[in-house]
Amino acid sequence: RAIVRNPQVFLMDEPLSNLDAKLRVQTRTQIASLQKRL
């Protein structure tokens, strides 16, 4: 939903806090990789 808007700035407020520990590790890698790509 954030990506489709093509904003100048992404703001993320603890987006992984509701995920379990294993999924948090996996998802934080995906977010960091995605940010580098975009």
All heavy atoms as atom14 arrays in JSON, in Angstrom:
{
  "sequence": "RAIVRNPQVFLMDEPLSNLDAKLRVQTRTQIASLQKRL",
  "atom14_mask": [
    [1, 1, 1, 1, 1, 1, 1, 1, 1, 1, 1, 0, 0, 0],
    [1, 1, 1, 1, 1, 0, 0, 0, 0, 0, 0, 0, 0, 0],
    [1, 1, 1, 1, 1, 1, 1, 1, 0, 0, 0, 0, 0, 0],
    [1, 1, 1, 1, 1, 1, 1, 0, 0, 0, 0, 0, 0, 0],
    [1, 1, 1, 1, 1, 1, 1, 1, 1, 1, 1, 0, 0, 0],
    [1, 1, 1, 1, 1, 1, 1, 1, 0, 0, 0, 0, 0, 0],
    [1, 1, 1, 1, 1, 1, 1, 0, 0, 0, 0, 0, 0, 0],
    [1, 1, 1, 1, 1, 1, 1, 1, 1, 0, 0, 0, 0, 0],
    [1, 1, 1, 1, 1, 1, 1, 0, 0, 0, 0, 0, 0, 0],
    [1, 1, 1, 1, 1, 1, 1, 1, 1, 1, 1, 0, 0, 0],
    [1, 1, 1, 1, 1, 1, 1, 1, 0, 0, 0, 0, 0, 0],
    [1, 1, 1, 1, 1, 1, 1, 1, 0, 0, 0, 0, 0, 0],
    [1, 1, 1, 1, 1, 1, 1, 1, 0, 0, 0, 0, 0, 0],
    [1, 1, 1, 1, 1, 1, 1, 1, 1, 0, 0, 0, 0, 0],
    [1, 1, 1, 1, 1, 1, 1, 0, 0, 0, 0, 0, 0, 0],
    [1, 1, 1, 1, 1, 1, 1, 1, 0, 0, 0, 0, 0, 0],
    [1, 1, 1, 1, 1, 1, 0, 0, 0, 0, 0, 0, 0, 0],
    [1, 1, 1, 1, 1, 1, 1, 1, 0, 0, 0, 0, 0, 0],
    [1, 1, 1, 1, 1, 1, 1, 1, 0, 0, 0, 0, 0, 0],
    [1, 1, 1, 1, 1, 1, 1, 1, 0, 0, 0, 0, 0, 0],
    [1, 1, 1, 1, 1, 0, 0, 0, 0, 0, 0, 0, 0, 0],
    [1, 1, 1, 1, 1, 1, 1, 1, 1, 0, 0, 0, 0, 0],
    [1, 1, 1, 1, 1, 1, 1, 1, 0, 0, 0, 0, 0, 0],
    [1, 1, 1, 1, 1, 1, 1, 1, 1, 1, 1, 0, 0, 0],
    [1, 1, 1, 1, 1, 1, 1, 0, 0, 0, 0, 0, 0, 0],
    [1, 1, 1, 1, 1, 1, 1, 1, 1, 0, 0, 0, 0, 0],
    [1, 1, 1, 1, 1, 1, 1, 0, 0, 0, 0, 0, 0, 0],
    [1, 1, 1, 1, 1, 1, 1, 1, 1, 1, 1, 0, 0, 0],
    [1, 1, 1, 1, 1, 1, 1, 0, 0, 0, 0, 0, 0, 0],
    [1, 1, 1, 1, 1, 1, 1, 1, 1, 0, 0, 0, 0, 0],
    [1, 1, 1, 1, 1, 1, 1, 1, 0, 0, 0, 0, 0, 0],
    [1, 1, 1, 1, 1, 0, 0, 0, 0, 0, 0, 0, 0, 0],
    [1, 1, 1, 1, 1, 1, 0, 0, 0, 0, 0, 0, 0, 0],
    [1, 1, 1, 1, 1, 1, 1, 1, 0, 0, 0, 0, 0, 0],
    [1, 1, 1, 1, 1, 1, 1, 1, 1, 0, 0, 0, 0, 0],
    [1, 1, 1, 1, 1, 1, 1, 1, 1, 0, 0, 0, 0, 0],
    [1, 1, 1, 1, 1, 1, 1, 1, 1, 1, 1, 0, 0, 0],
    [1, 1, 1, 1, 1, 1, 1, 1, 0, 0, 0, 0, 0, 0]
  ],
  "atom14_positions": [
    [[0.83, -1.21, 0.0], [0.0, 0.0, 0.0], [0.86, 1.25, 0.0], [0.51, 2.28, -0.6], [-0.91, -0.02, 1.22], [-1.91, 1.12, 1.3], [-2.82, 0.95, 2.48], [-2.06, 0.77, 3.71], [-2.58, 0.33, 4.86], [-3.86, 0.02, 4.91], [-1.83, 0.21, 5.93], [0.0, 0.0, 0.0], [0.0, 0.0, 0.0], [0.0, 0.0, 0.0]],
    [[2.01, 1.18, 0.68], [2.93, 2.33, 0.7], [3.68, 2.45, -0.63], [3.85, 3.54, -1.17], [3.92, 2.17, 1.85], [0.0, 0.0, 0.0], [0.0, 0.0, 0.0], [0.0, 0.0, 0.0], [0.0, 0.0, 0.0], [0.0, 0.0, 0.0], [0.0, 0.0, 0.0], [0.0, 0.0, 0.0], [0.0, 0.0, 0.0], [0.0, 0.0, 0.0]],
    [[4.1, 1.32, -1.18], [4.9, 1.32, -2.41], [4.14, 1.9, -3.59], [4.68, 2.67, -4.39], [5.39, -0.11, -2.73], [6.44, -0.56, -1.72], [5.95, -0.19, -4.15], [6.79, -2.03, -1.83], [0.0, 0.0, 0.0], [0.0, 0.0, 0.0], [0.0, 0.0, 0.0], [0.0, 0.0, 0.0], [0.0, 0.0, 0.0], [0.0, 0.0, 0.0]],
    [[2.85, 1.55, -3.73], [2.1, 1.97, -4.91], [1.96, 3.49, -5.0], [1.72, 4.04, -6.07], [0.68, 1.34, -4.95], [0.77, -0.16, -5.05], [-0.16, 1.77, -3.75], [0.0, 0.0, 0.0], [0.0, 0.0, 0.0], [0.0, 0.0, 0.0], [0.0, 0.0, 0.0], [0.0, 0.0, 0.0], [0.0, 0.0, 0.0], [0.0, 0.0, 0.0]],
    [[2.16, 4.17, -3.89], [2.0, 5.63, -3.89], [3.23, 6.35, -4.43], [3.2, 7.55, -4.66], [1.69, 6.1, -2.47], [0.36, 5.59, -1.95], [0.11, 6.01, -0.52], [0.12, 7.48, -0.38], [0.07, 8.11, 0.79], [0.01, 7.42, 1.91], [0.08, 9.42, 0.83], [0.0, 0.0, 0.0], [0.0, 0.0, 0.0], [0.0, 0.0, 0.0]],
    [[4.35, 5.62, -4.6], [5.6, 6.24, -5.07], [5.94, 7.5, -4.27], [6.16, 8.58, -4.83], [5.52, 6.59, -6.56], [5.37, 5.38, -7.43], [5.89, 4.31, -7.11], [4.66, 5.52, -8.54], [0.0, 0.0, 0.0], [0.0, 0.0, 0.0], [0.0, 0.0, 0.0], [0.0, 0.0, 0.0], [0.0, 0.0, 0.0], [0.0, 0.0, 0.0]],
    [[6.0, 7.4, -2.93], [6.23, 8.59, -2.11], [7.7, 9.01, -2.13], [8.58, 8.27, -2.57], [5.83, 8.12, -0.72], [6.24, 6.67, -0.72], [5.94, 6.18, -2.12], [0.0, 0.0, 0.0], [0.0, 0.0, 0.0], [0.0, 0.0, 0.0], [0.0, 0.0, 0.0], [0.0, 0.0, 0.0], [0.0, 0.0, 0.0], [0.0, 0.0, 0.0]],
    [[7.96, 10.2, -1.62], [9.34, 10.65, -1.46], [9.99, 9.98, -0.26], [11.2, 9.77, -0.24], [9.39, 12.18, -1.26], [9.03, 12.98, -2.49], [9.42, 14.43, -2.33], [10.59, 14.81, -2.5], [8.45, 15.26, -1.97], [0.0, 0.0, 0.0], [0.0, 0.0, 0.0], [0.0, 0.0, 0.0], [0.0, 0.0, 0.0], [0.0, 0.0, 0.0]],
    [[9.18, 9.67, 0.77], [9.71, 9.11, 2.02], [8.79, 8.02, 2.54], [7.57, 8.19, 2.57], [9.85, 10.22, 3.1], [10.5, 9.64, 4.36], [10.67, 11.39, 2.59], [0.0, 0.0, 0.0], [0.0, 0.0, 0.0], [0.0, 0.0, 0.0], [0.0, 0.0, 0.0], [0.0, 0.0, 0.0], [0.0, 0.0, 0.0], [0.0, 0.0, 0.0]],
    [[9.38, 6.88, 2.94], [8.67, 5.84, 3.68], [8.87, 6.07, 5.17], [10.01, 6.31, 5.62], [9.21, 4.45, 3.36], [8.81, 3.89, 2.03], [9.69, 3.09, 1.32], [7.56, 4.12, 1.5], [9.34, 2.55, 0.09], [7.19, 3.59, 0.27], [8.08, 2.81, -0.43], [0.0, 0.0, 0.0], [0.0, 0.0, 0.0], [0.0, 0.0, 0.0]],
    [[7.8, 5.96, 5.95], [7.89, 6.01, 7.41], [7.35, 4.7, 7.96], [6.24, 4.29, 7.59], [7.08, 7.18, 7.96], [7.39, 8.57, 7.38], [6.51, 9.62, 8.05], [8.86, 8.92, 7.54], [0.0, 0.0, 0.0], [0.0, 0.0, 0.0], [0.0, 0.0, 0.0], [0.0, 0.0, 0.0], [0.0, 0.0, 0.0], [0.0, 0.0, 0.0]],
    [[8.11, 4.04, 8.82], [7.7, 2.74, 9.36], [7.8, 2.75, 10.87], [8.88, 2.98, 11.42], [8.57, 1.62, 8.78], [8.55, 1.56, 7.27], [9.4, 0.11, 6.62], [9.44, 0.52, 4.88], [0.0, 0.0, 0.0], [0.0, 0.0, 0.0], [0.0, 0.0, 0.0], [0.0, 0.0, 0.0], [0.0, 0.0, 0.0], [0.0, 0.0, 0.0]],
    [[6.66, 2.52, 11.53], [6.6, 2.56, 12.99], [6.44, 1.16, 13.55], [5.34, 0.63, 13.62], [5.43, 3.45, 13.44], [5.47, 3.75, 14.93], [6.44, 3.35, 15.59], [4.52, 4.39, 15.41], [0.0, 0.0, 0.0], [0.0, 0.0, 0.0], [0.0, 0.0, 0.0], [0.0, 0.0, 0.0], [0.0, 0.0, 0.0], [0.0, 0.0, 0.0]],
    [[7.56, 0.54, 13.92], [7.62, -0.81, 14.48], [6.74, -1.8, 13.69], [5.87, -2.47, 14.26], [7.2, -0.79, 15.95], [8.05, 0.17, 16.77], [8.19, -0.25, 18.22], [8.28, -1.46, 18.48], [8.23, 0.64, 19.07], [0.0, 0.0, 0.0], [0.0, 0.0, 0.0], [0.0, 0.0, 0.0], [0.0, 0.0, 0.0], [0.0, 0.0, 0.0]],
    [[6.94, -1.91, 12.38], [6.06, -2.74, 11.55], [6.19, -4.23, 11.8], [5.33, -5.0, 11.34], [6.5, -2.39, 10.12], [7.94, -2.01, 10.25], [8.02, -1.29, 11.57], [0.0, 0.0, 0.0], [0.0, 0.0, 0.0], [0.0, 0.0, 0.0], [0.0, 0.0, 0.0], [0.0, 0.0, 0.0], [0.0, 0.0, 0.0], [0.0, 0.0, 0.0]],
    [[7.23, -4.68, 12.5], [7.45, -6.12, 12.68], [7.08, -6.6, 14.08], [7.23, -7.79, 14.38], [8.91, -6.47, 12.4], [9.48, -6.02, 11.05], [10.9, -6.53, 10.89], [8.61, -6.48, 9.91], [0.0, 0.0, 0.0], [0.0, 0.0, 0.0], [0.0, 0.0, 0.0], [0.0, 0.0, 0.0], [0.0, 0.0, 0.0], [0.0, 0.0, 0.0]],
    [[6.61, -5.71, 14.94], [6.43, -6.07, 16.35], [5.34, -7.11, 16.57], [5.31, -7.76, 17.61], [6.13, -4.82, 17.18], [4.98, -4.17, 16.71], [0.0, 0.0, 0.0], [0.0, 0.0, 0.0], [0.0, 0.0, 0.0], [0.0, 0.0, 0.0], [0.0, 0.0, 0.0], [0.0, 0.0, 0.0], [0.0, 0.0, 0.0], [0.0, 0.0, 0.0]],
    [[4.42, -7.27, 15.61], [3.34, -8.26, 15.77], [3.69, -9.64, 15.21], [2.86, -10.55, 15.25], [2.06, -7.76, 15.1], [1.45, -6.57, 15.83], [1.66, -6.42, 17.02], [0.74, -5.74, 15.11], [0.0, 0.0, 0.0], [0.0, 0.0, 0.0], [0.0, 0.0, 0.0], [0.0, 0.0, 0.0], [0.0, 0.0, 0.0], [0.0, 0.0, 0.0]],
    [[4.89, -9.78, 14.68], [5.3, -11.05, 14.08], [6.09, -11.9, 15.07], [6.73, -11.37, 15.98], [6.16, -10.8, 12.83], [5.54, -9.93, 11.73], [6.51, -9.81, 10.57], [4.21, -10.5, 11.26], [0.0, 0.0, 0.0], [0.0, 0.0, 0.0], [0.0, 0.0, 0.0], [0.0, 0.0, 0.0], [0.0, 0.0, 0.0], [0.0, 0.0, 0.0]],
    [[6.06, -13.22, 14.87], [6.87, -14.08, 15.74], [8.34, -13.93, 15.39], [8.7, -13.37, 14.35], [6.43, -15.55, 15.64], [6.62, -16.12, 14.24], [7.76, -16.15, 13.76], [5.62, -16.56, 13.63], [0.0, 0.0, 0.0], [0.0, 0.0, 0.0], [0.0, 0.0, 0.0], [0.0, 0.0, 0.0], [0.0, 0.0, 0.0], [0.0, 0.0, 0.0]],
    [[9.21, -14.43, 16.28], [10.65, -14.16, 16.19], [11.24, -14.61, 14.85], [12.01, -13.86, 14.22], [11.38, -14.86, 17.34], [0.0, 0.0, 0.0], [0.0, 0.0, 0.0], [0.0, 0.0, 0.0], [0.0, 0.0, 0.0], [0.0, 0.0, 0.0], [0.0, 0.0, 0.0], [0.0, 0.0, 0.0], [0.0, 0.0, 0.0], [0.0, 0.0, 0.0]],
    [[10.9, -15.81, 14.39], [11.47, -16.34, 13.14], [11.03, -15.49, 11.95], [11.83, -15.15, 11.07], [11.06, -17.79, 12.95], [11.69, -18.44, 11.72], [11.32, -19.91, 11.61], [11.95, -20.55, 10.39], [11.59, -21.99, 10.28], [0.0, 0.0, 0.0], [0.0, 0.0, 0.0], [0.0, 0.0, 0.0], [0.0, 0.0, 0.0], [0.0, 0.0, 0.0]],
    [[9.74, -15.12, 11.92], [9.22, -14.34, 10.81], [9.78, -12.92, 10.82], [9.99, -12.31, 9.78], [7.7, -14.31, 10.87], [6.95, -13.79, 9.63], [7.39, -14.56, 8.39], [5.45, -13.91, 9.83], [0.0, 0.0, 0.0], [0.0, 0.0, 0.0], [0.0, 0.0, 0.0], [0.0, 0.0, 0.0], [0.0, 0.0, 0.0], [0.0, 0.0, 0.0]],
    [[10.06, -12.39, 12.02], [10.65, -11.06, 12.12], [12.02, -11.04, 11.44], [12.35, -10.1, 10.71], [10.81, -10.64, 13.58], [9.54, -10.22, 14.24], [9.76, -9.74, 15.64], [10.41, -8.43, 15.65], [10.37, -7.62, 16.68], [9.71, -7.94, 17.76], [10.98, -6.45, 16.63], [0.0, 0.0, 0.0], [0.0, 0.0, 0.0], [0.0, 0.0, 0.0]],
    [[12.82, -12.05, 11.7], [14.16, -12.11, 11.1], [14.05, -12.18, 9.59], [14.76, -11.47, 8.86], [14.94, -13.34, 11.64], [16.25, -13.51, 10.89], [15.2, -13.18, 13.13], [0.0, 0.0, 0.0], [0.0, 0.0, 0.0], [0.0, 0.0, 0.0], [0.0, 0.0, 0.0], [0.0, 0.0, 0.0], [0.0, 0.0, 0.0], [0.0, 0.0, 0.0]],
    [[13.15, -13.02, 9.1], [12.96, -13.17, 7.65], [12.45, -11.87, 7.02], [12.95, -11.43, 5.98], [11.96, -14.3, 7.4], [11.59, -14.49, 5.93], [10.49, -15.53, 5.76], [10.3, -16.4, 6.61], [9.75, -15.42, 4.68], [0.0, 0.0, 0.0], [0.0, 0.0, 0.0], [0.0, 0.0, 0.0], [0.0, 0.0, 0.0], [0.0, 0.0, 0.0]],
    [[11.47, -11.23, 7.67], [10.83, -10.06, 7.09], [11.73, -8.83, 7.13], [11.71, -8.01, 6.21], [9.5, -9.77, 7.81], [8.71, -10.95, 7.84], [8.72, -8.67, 7.08], [0.0, 0.0, 0.0], [0.0, 0.0, 0.0], [0.0, 0.0, 0.0], [0.0, 0.0, 0.0], [0.0, 0.0, 0.0], [0.0, 0.0, 0.0], [0.0, 0.0, 0.0]],
    [[12.52, -8.69, 8.18], [13.41, -7.51, 8.24], [14.44, -7.57, 7.11], [14.82, -6.54, 6.56], [14.08, -7.39, 9.6], [15.2, -8.34, 9.9], [15.61, -8.25, 11.36], [16.77, -9.06, 11.66], [17.04, -9.55, 12.87], [16.22, -9.31, 13.88], [18.12, -10.27, 13.07], [0.0, 0.0, 0.0], [0.0, 0.0, 0.0], [0.0, 0.0, 0.0]],
    [[14.86, -8.78, 6.74], [15.77, -8.93, 5.61], [15.08, -8.51, 4.32], [15.67, -7.82, 3.47], [16.24, -10.4, 5.49], [16.85, -10.79, 6.71], [17.23, -10.57, 4.36], [0.0, 0.0, 0.0], [0.0, 0.0, 0.0], [0.0, 0.0, 0.0], [0.0, 0.0, 0.0], [0.0, 0.0, 0.0], [0.0, 0.0, 0.0], [0.0, 0.0, 0.0]],
    [[13.82, -8.9, 4.17], [13.06, -8.54, 2.97], [12.86, -7.03, 2.87], [12.98, -6.44, 1.79], [11.7, -9.25, 3.0], [11.79, -10.76, 2.84], [10.45, -11.44, 3.06], [9.53, -10.87, 3.63], [10.34, -12.69, 2.6], [0.0, 0.0, 0.0], [0.0, 0.0, 0.0], [0.0, 0.0, 0.0], [0.0, 0.0, 0.0], [0.0, 0.0, 0.0]],
    [[12.55, -6.39, 4.0], [12.32, -4.94, 4.0], [13.6, -4.19, 3.63], [13.58, -3.27, 2.81], [11.79, -4.46, 5.36], [10.36, -4.95, 5.57], [11.84, -2.93, 5.46], [9.78, -4.59, 6.92], [0.0, 0.0, 0.0], [0.0, 0.0, 0.0], [0.0, 0.0, 0.0], [0.0, 0.0, 0.0], [0.0, 0.0, 0.0], [0.0, 0.0, 0.0]],
    [[14.72, -4.59, 4.23], [16.0, -3.92, 3.94], [16.36, -4.09, 2.47], [16.81, -3.15, 1.81], [17.1, -4.48, 4.84], [0.0, 0.0, 0.0], [0.0, 0.0, 0.0], [0.0, 0.0, 0.0], [0.0, 0.0, 0.0], [0.0, 0.0, 0.0], [0.0, 0.0, 0.0], [0.0, 0.0, 0.0], [0.0, 0.0, 0.0], [0.0, 0.0, 0.0]],
    [[16.17, -5.3, 1.94], [16.47, -5.57, 0.53], [15.56, -4.76, -0.39], [15.99, -4.2, -1.39], [16.32, -7.07, 0.26], [16.51, -7.35, -1.1], [0.0, 0.0, 0.0], [0.0, 0.0, 0.0], [0.0, 0.0, 0.0], [0.0, 0.0, 0.0], [0.0, 0.0, 0.0], [0.0, 0.0, 0.0], [0.0, 0.0, 0.0], [0.0, 0.0, 0.0]],
    [[14.27, -4.69, -0.03], [13.3, -3.95, -0.82], [13.63, -2.46, -0.85], [13.56, -1.81, -1.89], [11.9, -4.17, -0.23], [10.75, -3.41, -0.89], [10.57, -3.88, -2.33], [9.46, -3.63, -0.11], [0.0, 0.0, 0.0], [0.0, 0.0, 0.0], [0.0, 0.0, 0.0], [0.0, 0.0, 0.0], [0.0, 0.0, 0.0], [0.0, 0.0, 0.0]],
    [[14.02, -1.92, 0.31], [14.36, -0.49, 0.37], [15.55, -0.17, -0.52], [15.57, 0.85, -1.21], [14.64, -0.1, 1.83], [14.74, 1.4, 2.06], [16.12, 1.97, 1.8], [17.11, 1.24, 1.82], [16.19, 3.27, 1.55], [0.0, 0.0, 0.0], [0.0, 0.0, 0.0], [0.0, 0.0, 0.0], [0.0, 0.0, 0.0], [0.0, 0.0, 0.0]],
    [[16.54, -1.06, -0.53], [17.7, -0.84, -1.4], [17.29, -0.87, -2.87], [17.77, -0.08, -3.68], [18.75, -1.93, -1.13], [19.45, -1.83, 0.21], [20.41, -0.66, 0.23], [21.16, -0.58, 1.56], [20.29, -0.22, 2.69], [0.0, 0.0, 0.0], [0.0, 0.0, 0.0], [0.0, 0.0, 0.0], [0.0, 0.0, 0.0], [0.0, 0.0, 0.0]],
    [[16.38, -1.76, -3.19], [15.92, -1.89, -4.57], [15.14, -0.65, -5.03], [15.33, -0.16, -6.14], [15.04, -3.14, -4.69], [14.48, -3.37, -6.08], [13.7, -4.68, -6.1], [13.01, -4.88, -7.37], [12.24, -5.92, -7.63], [12.08, -6.87, -6.73], [11.64, -6.03, -8.81], [0.0, 0.0, 0.0], [0.0, 0.0, 0.0], [0.0, 0.0, 0.0]],
    [[14.28, -0.14, -4.14], [13.45, 1.01, -4.5], [14.19, 2.33, -4.36], [13.87, 3.3, -5.05], [12.19, 1.03, -3.62], [11.24, -0.17, -3.75], [10.14, -0.07, -2.72], [10.66, -0.25, -5.15], [0.0, 0.0, 0.0], [0.0, 0.0, 0.0], [0.0, 0.0, 0.0], [0.0, 0.0, 0.0], [0.0, 0.0, 0.0], [0.0, 0.0, 0.0]]
  ]
}
